[in-house]
Protein backbone atom coordinates (compact mmCIF):
# COMPACT_ATOMS: atom_id res chain seq x y z
CA MET A 1 8.77 29.69 -7.68
CA THR A 2 7.13 26.75 -9.48
CA GLN A 3 5.74 23.69 -7.72
CA ALA A 4 8.64 21.62 -9.06
CA GLU A 5 11.19 24.08 -7.67
CA GLU A 6 9.36 24.26 -4.34
CA LEU A 7 9.26 20.46 -4.08
CA ASP A 8 12.70 19.60 -5.53
CA LEU A 9 11.10 16.53 -7.12
CA GLU A 10 14.21 14.37 -7.45
CA SER A 11 15.13 14.78 -3.78
CA TRP A 12 12.07 12.76 -2.73
CA ILE A 13 12.83 9.70 -4.89
CA GLY A 14 14.07 6.82 -2.74
CA LYS A 15 12.73 8.28 0.52
CA PRO A 16 10.89 5.85 2.81
CA THR A 17 7.14 6.27 3.19
CA GLY A 18 6.60 3.88 6.07
CA ALA A 19 7.19 0.44 7.49
CA GLY A 20 5.22 -1.97 9.58
CA VAL A 21 4.28 -5.47 10.56
CA VAL A 22 0.85 -6.98 9.95
CA HIS A 23 -0.70 -10.30 10.87
CA ILE A 24 -3.16 -12.00 8.56
CA GLU A 25 -6.04 -12.88 10.88
CA ARG A 26 -8.98 -15.14 10.12
CA ALA A 27 -11.80 -12.85 11.28
CA VAL A 28 -10.43 -9.88 9.35
CA VAL A 29 -10.03 -11.93 6.15
CA SER A 30 -13.48 -13.51 6.44
CA ASN A 31 -15.17 -10.21 7.26
CA PHE A 32 -13.42 -8.49 4.37
CA ALA A 33 -14.62 -11.22 1.97
CA ALA A 34 -18.17 -10.73 3.27
CA SER A 35 -17.89 -6.95 2.84
CA VAL A 36 -17.07 -7.36 -0.85
CA LEU A 37 -19.92 -9.89 -1.20
CA ASP A 38 -17.63 -12.86 -1.81
CA ASP A 39 -19.33 -15.76 -0.07
CA ARG A 40 -17.02 -18.54 -1.28
CA PRO A 41 -16.25 -20.97 1.56
CA LEU A 42 -12.48 -20.83 0.99
CA TYR A 43 -12.44 -17.38 2.69
CA ARG A 44 -14.14 -18.76 5.82
CA ASN A 45 -13.36 -22.45 6.12
CA ARG A 46 -9.93 -24.11 6.43
CA ASP A 47 -11.12 -27.35 4.82
CA ALA A 48 -12.47 -25.47 1.80
CA ALA A 49 -9.19 -23.55 1.56
CA ALA A 50 -7.20 -26.80 1.73
CA ASP A 51 -9.42 -28.33 -0.97
CA ALA A 52 -8.54 -25.31 -3.13
CA GLY A 53 -4.81 -25.92 -2.57
CA PHE A 54 -4.07 -23.33 0.14
CA ALA A 55 -2.15 -23.93 3.37
CA ASP A 56 -4.84 -21.96 5.25
CA ILE A 57 -7.62 -19.48 4.48
CA PRO A 58 -6.30 -17.11 1.79
CA ALA A 59 -6.72 -13.35 1.75
CA PRO A 60 -8.91 -12.11 -1.14
CA PRO A 61 -7.00 -10.30 -3.91
CA THR A 62 -8.26 -6.82 -3.02
CA PHE A 63 -7.63 -7.28 0.71
CA PHE A 64 -4.31 -5.46 0.53
CA PHE A 65 -5.74 -2.25 -0.80
CA SER A 66 -7.82 -1.43 2.24
CA ALA A 67 -8.05 -3.92 5.07
CA LEU A 68 -4.36 -4.63 5.49
CA GLN A 69 -3.43 -1.01 6.09
CA ASN A 70 -6.06 -0.57 8.79
CA TYR A 71 -6.18 -3.83 10.73
CA SER A 72 -3.98 -6.51 12.24
CA LYS A 73 -1.14 -4.29 13.40
CA TRP A 74 0.16 -5.12 16.85
CA GLU A 75 1.69 -1.99 18.34
CA GLU A 76 4.54 -3.75 20.14
CA GLU A 77 5.81 -5.22 16.84
CA GLN A 78 5.89 -2.01 14.83
CA PRO A 79 9.36 -0.84 13.75
CA PRO A 80 10.54 2.73 14.25
CA ASP A 81 9.15 5.22 11.74
CA PRO A 82 11.70 5.25 8.89
CA THR A 83 10.48 8.65 7.70
CA GLY A 84 11.76 10.48 10.75
CA GLY A 85 8.32 12.07 11.02
CA VAL A 86 8.49 13.51 7.49
CA ASN A 87 6.34 11.22 5.38
CA PRO A 88 6.95 12.08 1.72
CA MET A 89 3.35 11.40 0.72
CA ALA A 90 2.04 13.93 3.25
CA SER A 91 4.81 16.44 2.58
CA VAL A 92 4.53 16.36 -1.21
CA MET A 93 0.74 16.27 -1.39
CA GLY A 94 0.45 18.84 1.40
CA THR A 95 2.65 21.26 -0.51
CA LEU A 96 0.69 20.71 -3.70
CA ILE A 97 -2.76 20.96 -2.15
CA ALA A 98 -1.78 24.21 -0.45
CA SER A 99 -1.62 25.72 -3.95
CA GLY A 100 -5.11 24.41 -4.81
CA GLY A 101 -6.12 21.82 -7.33
CA LEU A 102 -7.31 18.25 -7.06
CA ILE A 103 -5.76 15.03 -5.77
CA LEU A 104 -6.71 11.67 -7.23
CA HIS A 105 -5.66 8.13 -6.37
CA GLY A 106 -4.75 7.39 -9.96
CA GLU A 107 -3.60 3.80 -9.95
CA GLN A 108 -3.04 0.79 -7.70
CA GLU A 109 -1.21 -2.31 -8.85
CA PHE A 110 -0.41 -5.51 -6.97
CA THR A 111 2.12 -8.16 -7.87
CA TYR A 112 1.50 -11.35 -5.94
CA HIS A 113 4.66 -13.40 -5.51
CA GLN A 114 2.95 -16.09 -3.42
CA PRO A 115 -0.40 -16.63 -1.70
CA VAL A 116 -1.09 -14.84 1.57
CA VAL A 117 -2.97 -16.93 4.10
CA VAL A 118 -4.30 -16.66 7.63
CA GLY A 119 -1.44 -16.95 10.10
CA ASP A 120 1.11 -15.14 7.93
CA ARG A 121 3.13 -12.35 9.51
CA LEU A 122 4.24 -9.79 6.95
CA GLU A 123 6.72 -6.95 7.21
CA TYR A 124 6.38 -4.06 4.80
CA THR A 125 8.42 -1.09 3.71
CA GLY A 126 7.39 1.68 1.36
CA VAL A 127 9.49 4.00 -0.76
CA VAL A 128 8.93 6.82 -3.24
CA LYS A 129 9.76 5.24 -6.61
CA ASP A 130 9.12 8.31 -8.74
CA LEU A 131 7.91 11.89 -8.55
CA TYR A 132 7.46 13.78 -11.79
CA GLN A 133 5.34 16.39 -13.51
CA LYS A 134 3.69 16.72 -16.90
CA GLN A 135 1.94 19.64 -18.51
CA ALA A 136 -1.69 19.15 -19.56
CA GLY A 137 -2.60 22.33 -21.40
CA GLU A 138 -2.28 25.11 -18.86
CA ARG A 139 -2.34 22.74 -15.92
CA THR A 140 0.45 20.82 -14.25
CA MET A 141 -0.02 17.17 -13.32
CA THR A 142 2.23 15.86 -10.53
CA PHE A 143 2.60 12.09 -10.17
CA LEU A 144 3.78 10.52 -6.91
CA VAL A 145 4.58 6.81 -7.30
CA VAL A 146 4.98 4.78 -4.09
CA GLU A 147 6.04 1.13 -3.96
CA THR A 148 5.41 -1.01 -0.89
CA THR A 149 7.00 -4.44 -0.54
CA TYR A 150 5.59 -7.06 1.82
CA THR A 151 7.84 -9.94 2.91
CA ASN A 152 7.20 -13.04 4.99
CA ASP A 153 9.19 -14.20 8.03
CA ALA A 154 11.73 -15.85 5.70
CA GLY A 155 12.35 -12.47 4.05
CA GLU A 156 10.77 -13.61 0.78
CA PRO A 157 8.65 -11.12 -1.18
CA VAL A 158 4.95 -11.86 -0.94
CA ILE A 159 3.32 -8.78 -2.47
CA THR A 160 4.58 -5.66 -4.19
CA SER A 161 2.09 -2.80 -4.28
CA THR A 162 2.53 0.24 -6.50
CA MET A 163 0.33 3.28 -5.99
CA ASN A 164 0.16 6.47 -8.03
CA LEU A 165 -1.25 9.67 -6.55
CA LEU A 166 -1.97 12.56 -8.92
CA HIS A 167 -2.29 16.25 -8.28
CA ARG A 168 -3.71 18.57 -10.93
CA SER A 169 -3.16 22.27 -10.46
C-alpha cells in the first residue's frame, strides 16, 4: 500500500485542525518585540503607537508565527476541540514519519486584513486546505497545507495564516 492509499489524501481536505481564542496582551507583545531585537517605541508605548496611527500598541508582523500560538490563551474561553481528538496535522504527519523520511516546515504566509493591537480578542479556526503528493526522482514529497483564520469580536477577518508542511520519503 502506498502512502497516498494509506492516507486517503482527499479525505483530509476540509478537516478542522483546531480552534481557539487568544488575547493580545501588552507584556507578551513588548517582550516578543524585544526578543526579535526590535526596540522601536511603538511596541512598548501607547503614545508612540498612537503617533504611528495605531489604536493601541500593535503586534509585530512575525508575532503570529510563534508567540500567538503559545501565549495569551485563557482556558475558560477555549472552544471545544473541533477535531474530535483526531488532529489532521498529527495524524497525517504521524503516518508519514512512521515510514521514515524528513519533515520540513516549508512555508508560512500571513495576510493581514487589519492591524492587531493590544486589547484585541481573536478567535481562530484552522482547516486543511490541501494535501497532495509529488514525485521527486525516486522520492515522494507530501504537502500538507493548513489555513488558519483569525477574526475579531465583530467576526471580521484580521489575519489569515497559511502553512505548508512537507514530508520527503
